[in-house]
N, C-alpha and C. Protein backbone atom coordinates (compact mmCIF):
# COMPACT_ATOMS: atom_id res chain seq x y z
N GLU A 1 146.88 119.13 105.19
CA GLU A 1 146.71 120.49 104.70
C GLU A 1 147.84 120.83 103.73
N SER A 2 147.51 121.60 102.74
CA SER A 2 148.51 122.04 101.77
C SER A 2 148.75 123.53 101.98
N HIS A 3 149.89 123.83 102.59
CA HIS A 3 150.28 125.21 102.83
C HIS A 3 151.16 125.75 101.71
N ASP A 4 151.69 124.86 100.90
CA ASP A 4 152.73 125.26 99.95
C ASP A 4 152.40 125.04 98.49
N HIS A 5 151.29 124.40 98.17
CA HIS A 5 150.93 124.17 96.77
C HIS A 5 149.51 124.63 96.45
N ARG A 6 148.53 124.07 97.13
CA ARG A 6 147.13 124.36 96.81
C ARG A 6 146.43 125.17 97.90
N GLY A 7 147.24 125.82 98.71
CA GLY A 7 146.74 126.69 99.76
C GLY A 7 147.89 127.52 100.28
N THR A 8 147.65 128.24 101.36
CA THR A 8 148.67 129.08 101.98
C THR A 8 148.70 128.81 103.47
N GLU A 9 149.64 129.44 104.17
CA GLU A 9 149.71 129.29 105.63
C GLU A 9 148.41 129.74 106.28
N THR A 10 147.82 130.82 105.78
CA THR A 10 146.62 131.35 106.40
C THR A 10 145.33 130.73 105.85
N ASN A 11 145.40 130.10 104.70
CA ASN A 11 144.23 129.46 104.09
C ASN A 11 144.67 128.15 103.43
N PRO A 12 145.00 127.14 104.25
CA PRO A 12 145.51 125.89 103.67
C PRO A 12 144.46 125.15 102.86
N GLY A 13 144.93 124.49 101.80
CA GLY A 13 144.06 123.66 100.98
C GLY A 13 144.12 122.22 101.46
N ARG A 14 143.53 121.34 100.69
CA ARG A 14 143.57 119.91 100.98
C ARG A 14 144.06 119.19 99.73
N VAL A 15 144.87 118.18 99.93
CA VAL A 15 145.30 117.32 98.85
C VAL A 15 145.11 115.87 99.28
N CYS A 16 145.00 115.00 98.31
CA CYS A 16 144.85 113.57 98.61
C CYS A 16 146.19 113.01 99.03
N THR A 17 146.13 112.08 99.93
CA THR A 17 147.35 111.39 100.36
C THR A 17 147.02 109.94 100.64
N LEU A 18 148.01 109.13 100.55
CA LEU A 18 147.87 107.74 100.97
C LEU A 18 148.12 107.70 102.47
N ILE A 19 147.25 107.03 103.19
CA ILE A 19 147.49 106.81 104.62
C ILE A 19 147.24 105.34 104.92
N PRO A 20 147.89 104.82 105.96
CA PRO A 20 147.65 103.41 106.31
C PRO A 20 146.17 103.16 106.62
N ALA A 21 145.68 102.00 106.22
CA ALA A 21 144.26 101.65 106.40
C ALA A 21 143.83 101.77 107.85
N HIS A 22 144.65 101.32 108.79
CA HIS A 22 144.23 101.36 110.20
C HIS A 22 144.07 102.80 110.69
N GLU A 23 144.86 103.75 110.16
CA GLU A 23 144.71 105.15 110.56
C GLU A 23 143.42 105.73 109.99
N TRP A 24 143.13 105.43 108.73
CA TRP A 24 141.88 105.89 108.11
C TRP A 24 140.68 105.41 108.93
N ASN A 25 140.66 104.12 109.21
CA ASN A 25 139.52 103.55 109.92
C ASN A 25 139.39 104.11 111.34
N SER A 26 140.50 104.39 111.97
CA SER A 26 140.47 104.97 113.31
C SER A 26 139.92 106.40 113.27
N MET A 27 140.37 107.20 112.30
CA MET A 27 139.91 108.58 112.19
C MET A 27 138.41 108.67 111.92
N PHE A 28 137.90 107.74 111.12
CA PHE A 28 136.50 107.82 110.71
C PHE A 28 135.63 106.76 111.38
N ALA A 29 136.07 106.24 112.52
CA ALA A 29 135.34 105.18 113.22
C ALA A 29 133.91 105.58 113.56
N HIS A 30 133.67 106.84 113.86
CA HIS A 30 132.35 107.29 114.29
C HIS A 30 131.57 107.98 113.18
N ASP A 31 132.03 107.87 111.95
CA ASP A 31 131.36 108.51 110.82
C ASP A 31 130.78 107.44 109.91
N PRO A 32 129.49 107.19 110.00
CA PRO A 32 128.89 106.12 109.19
C PRO A 32 128.86 106.43 107.69
N THR A 33 129.09 107.69 107.30
CA THR A 33 129.04 108.04 105.89
C THR A 33 130.36 107.79 105.17
N THR A 34 131.44 107.56 105.92
CA THR A 34 132.75 107.33 105.32
C THR A 34 133.03 105.84 105.28
N PRO A 35 133.34 105.29 104.09
CA PRO A 35 133.58 103.85 103.98
C PRO A 35 134.84 103.41 104.73
N LYS A 36 134.76 102.24 105.33
CA LYS A 36 135.92 101.65 105.98
C LYS A 36 136.72 100.92 104.90
N ILE A 37 138.02 100.80 105.13
CA ILE A 37 138.87 100.13 104.15
C ILE A 37 139.69 99.04 104.83
N SER A 38 140.20 98.12 104.03
CA SER A 38 141.06 97.06 104.55
C SER A 38 142.44 97.19 103.94
N ASP A 39 143.37 96.40 104.44
CA ASP A 39 144.73 96.43 103.89
C ASP A 39 144.75 96.01 102.42
N GLU A 40 143.70 95.33 101.97
CA GLU A 40 143.64 94.87 100.58
C GLU A 40 142.92 95.87 99.67
N THR A 41 142.47 96.98 100.19
CA THR A 41 141.78 97.97 99.38
C THR A 41 142.72 98.52 98.31
N ALA A 42 142.24 98.58 97.08
CA ALA A 42 143.05 99.08 95.99
C ALA A 42 143.06 100.61 95.98
N CYS A 43 144.20 101.16 95.68
CA CYS A 43 144.34 102.60 95.49
C CYS A 43 144.94 102.79 94.10
N TRP A 44 144.21 103.44 93.22
CA TRP A 44 144.63 103.60 91.84
C TRP A 44 145.58 104.76 91.68
N GLY A 45 146.52 104.62 90.78
CA GLY A 45 147.45 105.69 90.50
C GLY A 45 148.42 105.28 89.41
N MET A 46 149.55 105.95 89.39
CA MET A 46 150.57 105.70 88.37
C MET A 46 151.90 105.42 89.06
N ALA A 47 152.69 104.58 88.43
CA ALA A 47 154.07 104.35 88.86
C ALA A 47 154.97 104.77 87.69
N TYR A 48 156.03 105.45 88.01
CA TYR A 48 156.94 105.95 86.98
C TYR A 48 158.31 105.33 87.16
N LYS A 49 158.92 104.92 86.05
CA LYS A 49 160.29 104.44 86.06
C LYS A 49 161.20 105.64 85.82
N VAL A 50 162.16 105.78 86.71
CA VAL A 50 163.11 106.89 86.60
C VAL A 50 164.29 106.44 85.76
N LYS A 51 164.69 107.30 84.84
CA LYS A 51 165.83 107.00 83.97
C LYS A 51 167.06 106.69 84.82
N SER A 52 167.76 105.64 84.43
CA SER A 52 168.97 105.24 85.14
C SER A 52 169.96 106.40 85.22
N GLY A 53 170.49 106.61 86.40
CA GLY A 53 171.43 107.69 86.62
C GLY A 53 170.76 108.97 87.12
N MET A 54 169.43 109.03 87.03
CA MET A 54 168.68 110.23 87.44
C MET A 54 168.00 110.05 88.80
N GLU A 55 168.19 108.90 89.44
CA GLU A 55 167.45 108.57 90.65
C GLU A 55 167.63 109.62 91.76
N GLN A 56 168.86 110.02 92.03
CA GLN A 56 169.11 110.98 93.11
C GLN A 56 168.51 112.34 92.80
N GLN A 57 168.62 112.79 91.57
CA GLN A 57 168.07 114.09 91.17
C GLN A 57 166.55 114.09 91.27
N VAL A 58 165.92 113.02 90.79
CA VAL A 58 164.46 112.93 90.84
C VAL A 58 163.98 112.82 92.29
N LYS A 59 164.68 112.04 93.10
CA LYS A 59 164.29 111.92 94.50
C LYS A 59 164.43 113.25 95.23
N ALA A 60 165.48 113.99 94.96
CA ALA A 60 165.66 115.31 95.58
C ALA A 60 164.50 116.24 95.19
N HIS A 61 164.10 116.20 93.92
CA HIS A 61 162.97 117.02 93.46
C HIS A 61 161.68 116.61 94.18
N LEU A 62 161.43 115.29 94.26
CA LEU A 62 160.23 114.81 94.93
C LEU A 62 160.25 115.11 96.43
N ASP A 63 161.41 114.95 97.05
CA ASP A 63 161.51 115.27 98.48
C ASP A 63 161.14 116.73 98.73
N TYR A 64 161.55 117.62 97.84
CA TYR A 64 161.20 119.04 97.99
C TYR A 64 159.70 119.24 97.74
N ARG A 65 159.19 118.65 96.68
CA ARG A 65 157.77 118.82 96.34
C ARG A 65 156.86 118.26 97.43
N GLU A 66 157.26 117.15 98.02
CA GLU A 66 156.43 116.47 99.03
C GLU A 66 156.87 116.81 100.45
N LYS A 67 157.49 117.96 100.63
CA LYS A 67 158.09 118.32 101.92
C LYS A 67 157.07 118.58 103.03
N ASP A 68 155.87 118.88 102.66
CA ASP A 68 154.89 119.32 103.65
C ASP A 68 154.01 118.18 104.13
N GLY A 69 154.62 117.19 104.76
CA GLY A 69 153.79 116.20 105.43
C GLY A 69 153.85 114.77 104.96
N TYR A 70 154.93 114.34 104.36
CA TYR A 70 154.95 112.99 103.83
C TYR A 70 156.14 112.19 104.35
N THR A 71 155.93 110.88 104.41
CA THR A 71 156.95 109.91 104.80
C THR A 71 157.10 108.93 103.65
N ILE A 72 158.30 108.48 103.40
CA ILE A 72 158.53 107.50 102.33
C ILE A 72 158.19 106.11 102.82
N ASP A 73 157.50 105.36 101.97
CA ASP A 73 157.19 103.96 102.22
C ASP A 73 157.45 103.21 100.92
N PHE A 74 157.36 101.90 100.97
CA PHE A 74 157.57 101.07 99.79
C PHE A 74 156.39 100.11 99.65
N VAL A 75 155.84 100.03 98.44
CA VAL A 75 154.64 99.22 98.20
C VAL A 75 154.81 98.37 96.96
N ASP A 76 153.91 97.40 96.81
CA ASP A 76 153.82 96.63 95.57
C ASP A 76 152.81 97.32 94.66
N VAL A 77 153.02 97.23 93.35
CA VAL A 77 152.14 97.84 92.36
C VAL A 77 151.54 96.72 91.51
N PHE A 78 150.22 96.82 91.31
CA PHE A 78 149.48 95.83 90.55
C PHE A 78 148.91 96.46 89.29
N ASP A 79 148.63 95.63 88.29
CA ASP A 79 147.92 96.14 87.12
C ASP A 79 146.43 96.04 87.41
N GLY A 80 145.60 96.26 86.42
CA GLY A 80 144.16 96.27 86.61
C GLY A 80 143.57 94.97 87.11
N SER A 81 144.28 93.85 86.96
CA SER A 81 143.75 92.56 87.40
C SER A 81 143.86 92.39 88.92
N LEU A 82 144.77 93.11 89.54
CA LEU A 82 144.99 93.05 90.98
C LEU A 82 145.37 91.65 91.49
N GLU A 83 145.95 90.83 90.61
CA GLU A 83 146.27 89.47 91.00
C GLU A 83 147.70 89.33 91.52
N GLN A 84 148.68 89.64 90.69
CA GLN A 84 150.08 89.54 91.06
C GLN A 84 150.74 90.90 90.88
N PRO A 85 151.64 91.29 91.78
CA PRO A 85 152.31 92.57 91.59
C PRO A 85 153.13 92.59 90.30
N VAL A 86 153.09 93.71 89.60
CA VAL A 86 153.93 93.88 88.41
C VAL A 86 155.23 94.58 88.79
N LEU A 87 155.24 95.25 89.94
CA LEU A 87 156.44 95.87 90.50
C LEU A 87 156.39 95.68 92.01
N THR A 88 157.55 95.51 92.61
CA THR A 88 157.61 95.38 94.07
C THR A 88 158.56 96.43 94.64
N ASP A 89 158.33 96.77 95.89
CA ASP A 89 159.17 97.74 96.62
C ASP A 89 159.30 99.06 95.88
N VAL A 90 158.17 99.62 95.48
CA VAL A 90 158.13 100.90 94.77
C VAL A 90 158.00 102.02 95.81
N MET A 91 158.83 103.04 95.69
CA MET A 91 158.81 104.15 96.63
C MET A 91 157.55 104.98 96.45
N VAL A 92 156.93 105.35 97.56
CA VAL A 92 155.72 106.16 97.55
C VAL A 92 155.76 107.08 98.77
N TYR A 93 155.17 108.26 98.64
CA TYR A 93 155.07 109.20 99.75
C TYR A 93 153.72 109.00 100.42
N VAL A 94 153.73 108.80 101.73
CA VAL A 94 152.54 108.49 102.50
C VAL A 94 152.36 109.55 103.58
N GLY A 95 151.12 110.00 103.76
CA GLY A 95 150.81 110.92 104.85
C GLY A 95 150.60 110.13 106.13
N VAL A 96 151.12 110.62 107.22
CA VAL A 96 150.90 109.98 108.51
C VAL A 96 150.22 110.97 109.44
N SER A 97 149.36 110.46 110.30
CA SER A 97 148.51 111.34 111.09
C SER A 97 149.24 112.14 112.15
N ASP A 98 150.47 111.77 112.49
CA ASP A 98 151.18 112.55 113.50
C ASP A 98 151.99 113.70 112.88
N ASN A 99 151.86 113.89 111.57
CA ASN A 99 152.53 114.99 110.91
C ASN A 99 151.75 116.29 111.16
N PRO A 100 152.44 117.40 111.46
CA PRO A 100 151.74 118.65 111.75
C PRO A 100 150.86 119.17 110.61
N SER A 101 151.15 118.79 109.38
CA SER A 101 150.34 119.25 108.24
C SER A 101 149.16 118.33 107.94
N PHE A 102 149.04 117.25 108.67
CA PHE A 102 147.96 116.31 108.42
C PHE A 102 146.65 116.91 108.93
N ALA A 103 145.68 117.09 108.05
CA ALA A 103 144.43 117.78 108.42
C ALA A 103 143.55 116.93 109.32
N GLY A 104 143.66 115.63 109.23
CA GLY A 104 142.81 114.77 110.05
C GLY A 104 141.41 114.67 109.48
N ALA A 105 140.54 114.09 110.28
CA ALA A 105 139.17 113.85 109.84
C ALA A 105 138.36 115.13 109.86
N SER A 106 137.63 115.36 108.80
CA SER A 106 136.63 116.42 108.77
C SER A 106 135.50 115.93 107.88
N SER A 107 134.36 116.52 108.03
CA SER A 107 133.22 116.06 107.24
C SER A 107 133.48 116.30 105.76
N LEU A 108 132.79 115.55 104.95
CA LEU A 108 132.91 115.70 103.50
C LEU A 108 132.55 117.13 103.10
N HIS A 109 131.49 117.67 103.70
CA HIS A 109 131.05 119.03 103.35
C HIS A 109 132.09 120.07 103.75
N ASP A 110 132.68 119.93 104.94
CA ASP A 110 133.71 120.88 105.37
C ASP A 110 134.93 120.82 104.46
N THR A 111 135.31 119.61 104.08
CA THR A 111 136.45 119.45 103.17
C THR A 111 136.14 120.08 101.82
N ALA A 112 134.92 119.89 101.33
CA ALA A 112 134.53 120.47 100.04
C ALA A 112 134.57 121.99 100.09
N LYS A 113 134.16 122.60 101.20
CA LYS A 113 134.20 124.06 101.33
C LYS A 113 135.63 124.57 101.26
N VAL A 114 136.54 123.86 101.93
CA VAL A 114 137.96 124.26 101.90
C VAL A 114 138.48 124.18 100.46
N ILE A 115 138.23 123.05 99.80
CA ILE A 115 138.74 122.85 98.44
C ILE A 115 138.14 123.86 97.47
N ALA A 116 136.89 124.21 97.65
CA ALA A 116 136.23 125.15 96.74
C ALA A 116 136.86 126.54 96.79
N HIS A 117 137.44 126.91 97.94
CA HIS A 117 137.91 128.29 98.12
C HIS A 117 139.42 128.46 98.25
N ALA A 118 140.15 127.39 98.49
CA ALA A 118 141.60 127.52 98.70
C ALA A 118 142.35 127.68 97.39
N GLU A 119 143.44 128.44 97.47
CA GLU A 119 144.31 128.65 96.31
C GLU A 119 145.72 128.89 96.83
N GLY A 120 146.69 128.34 96.11
CA GLY A 120 148.09 128.52 96.48
C GLY A 120 148.95 128.73 95.26
N PRO A 121 150.27 128.68 95.44
CA PRO A 121 151.19 128.94 94.34
C PRO A 121 151.03 127.99 93.14
N SER A 122 150.52 126.79 93.39
CA SER A 122 150.35 125.82 92.30
C SER A 122 148.98 125.89 91.65
N GLY A 123 148.11 126.78 92.13
CA GLY A 123 146.79 126.93 91.54
C GLY A 123 145.69 126.72 92.56
N THR A 124 144.44 126.65 92.06
CA THR A 124 143.32 126.47 92.96
C THR A 124 143.25 125.03 93.45
N ASN A 125 142.68 124.88 94.63
CA ASN A 125 142.53 123.55 95.20
C ASN A 125 141.48 122.75 94.42
N ARG A 126 140.44 123.43 93.94
CA ARG A 126 139.41 122.70 93.18
C ARG A 126 139.98 122.19 91.86
N GLU A 127 140.86 122.96 91.23
CA GLU A 127 141.50 122.51 89.99
C GLU A 127 142.27 121.21 90.24
N TYR A 128 142.96 121.15 91.36
CA TYR A 128 143.69 119.93 91.75
C TYR A 128 142.73 118.75 91.84
N LEU A 129 141.61 118.93 92.54
CA LEU A 129 140.64 117.85 92.71
C LEU A 129 140.06 117.42 91.36
N PHE A 130 139.66 118.38 90.54
CA PHE A 130 139.04 118.05 89.25
C PHE A 130 140.03 117.33 88.33
N HIS A 131 141.28 117.78 88.32
CA HIS A 131 142.30 117.12 87.49
C HIS A 131 142.57 115.71 87.99
N LEU A 132 142.62 115.55 89.31
CA LEU A 132 142.85 114.23 89.89
C LEU A 132 141.73 113.26 89.48
N CYS A 133 140.50 113.66 89.65
CA CYS A 133 139.38 112.79 89.30
C CYS A 133 139.37 112.46 87.81
N ARG A 134 139.63 113.46 86.97
CA ARG A 134 139.67 113.22 85.51
C ARG A 134 140.78 112.24 85.15
N ALA A 135 141.96 112.43 85.73
CA ALA A 135 143.10 111.54 85.43
C ALA A 135 142.80 110.11 85.87
N LEU A 136 142.18 109.96 87.03
CA LEU A 136 141.85 108.61 87.50
C LEU A 136 140.80 107.96 86.60
N ARG A 137 139.80 108.71 86.19
CA ARG A 137 138.78 108.16 85.28
C ARG A 137 139.40 107.73 83.95
N GLU A 138 140.33 108.53 83.45
CA GLU A 138 140.99 108.18 82.19
C GLU A 138 141.83 106.92 82.33
N LYS A 139 142.40 106.72 83.51
CA LYS A 139 143.22 105.54 83.75
C LYS A 139 142.35 104.29 83.83
N ASN A 140 141.27 104.39 84.59
CA ASN A 140 140.37 103.27 84.76
C ASN A 140 139.08 103.79 85.38
N PRO A 141 137.94 103.51 84.80
CA PRO A 141 136.68 104.03 85.35
C PRO A 141 136.44 103.63 86.80
N ARG A 142 137.03 102.53 87.26
CA ARG A 142 136.85 102.11 88.66
C ARG A 142 137.77 102.86 89.61
N ALA A 143 138.66 103.69 89.09
CA ALA A 143 139.70 104.29 89.92
C ALA A 143 139.20 105.40 90.83
N VAL A 144 138.13 106.09 90.46
CA VAL A 144 137.60 107.16 91.31
C VAL A 144 136.65 106.54 92.32
N ASP A 145 137.01 106.64 93.58
CA ASP A 145 136.19 106.01 94.61
C ASP A 145 135.01 106.89 95.01
N LEU A 146 134.13 106.35 95.80
CA LEU A 146 132.92 107.04 96.21
C LEU A 146 133.24 108.34 96.95
N TYR A 147 134.26 108.34 97.78
CA TYR A 147 134.63 109.55 98.52
C TYR A 147 135.02 110.67 97.56
N LEU A 148 135.91 110.38 96.61
CA LEU A 148 136.33 111.41 95.65
C LEU A 148 135.17 111.88 94.78
N GLU A 149 134.32 110.96 94.35
CA GLU A 149 133.16 111.36 93.54
C GLU A 149 132.24 112.29 94.33
N SER A 150 132.00 111.97 95.59
CA SER A 150 131.14 112.80 96.43
C SER A 150 131.77 114.17 96.66
N LEU A 151 133.07 114.18 96.89
CA LEU A 151 133.78 115.44 97.10
C LEU A 151 133.73 116.31 95.85
N GLU A 152 133.97 115.70 94.70
CA GLU A 152 133.92 116.42 93.43
C GLU A 152 132.54 117.03 93.20
N LYS A 153 131.49 116.26 93.47
CA LYS A 153 130.13 116.75 93.28
C LYS A 153 129.85 117.93 94.20
N LEU A 154 130.21 117.82 95.47
CA LEU A 154 129.99 118.91 96.42
C LEU A 154 130.75 120.18 96.04
N VAL A 155 132.00 120.05 95.64
CA VAL A 155 132.79 121.21 95.25
C VAL A 155 132.16 121.88 94.03
N ASN A 156 131.73 121.09 93.07
CA ASN A 156 131.05 121.66 91.89
C ASN A 156 129.79 122.42 92.29
N GLU A 157 129.05 121.90 93.25
CA GLU A 157 127.84 122.59 93.72
C GLU A 157 128.19 123.90 94.41
N ILE A 158 129.25 123.92 95.19
CA ILE A 158 129.66 125.12 95.93
C ILE A 158 130.10 126.22 94.98
N VAL A 159 130.86 125.87 93.95
CA VAL A 159 131.41 126.89 93.06
C VAL A 159 130.45 127.29 91.94
N ALA A 160 129.35 126.55 91.79
CA ALA A 160 128.38 126.85 90.71
C ALA A 160 127.65 128.16 90.97
């Protein structure tokens, strides 16, 4: 749940997060409509190189921005070929299910209703979703997965 960016304490929004594959599969074990994933499943995004000497300042900013429910992990980053990592041990913020802000499993339709109506200091929750999907498509047409596409379609239907 997003209480501090795309929602409020009384009307939390939803944001995408990386979670370990085994937690995803456990949460959605009884939902045949949600795809199962493996440790090898690709997650598309961006990696940024921080200017030398700015690491502590940038990390402090990110720690504040990601304060509502994230744990730091380190991952390998691949290019579009997915063959060999182009970067290793890259810091990433990961959501874990034992965090109090973790929304947990909910149906696609329930999640779409929340996103369609939530708004916080950083803007509407639907704007977040639409920008995320657009940015992923611009990066690589394969980057938007079936779950995000379905969520985007449902939110568009709700707000139409």
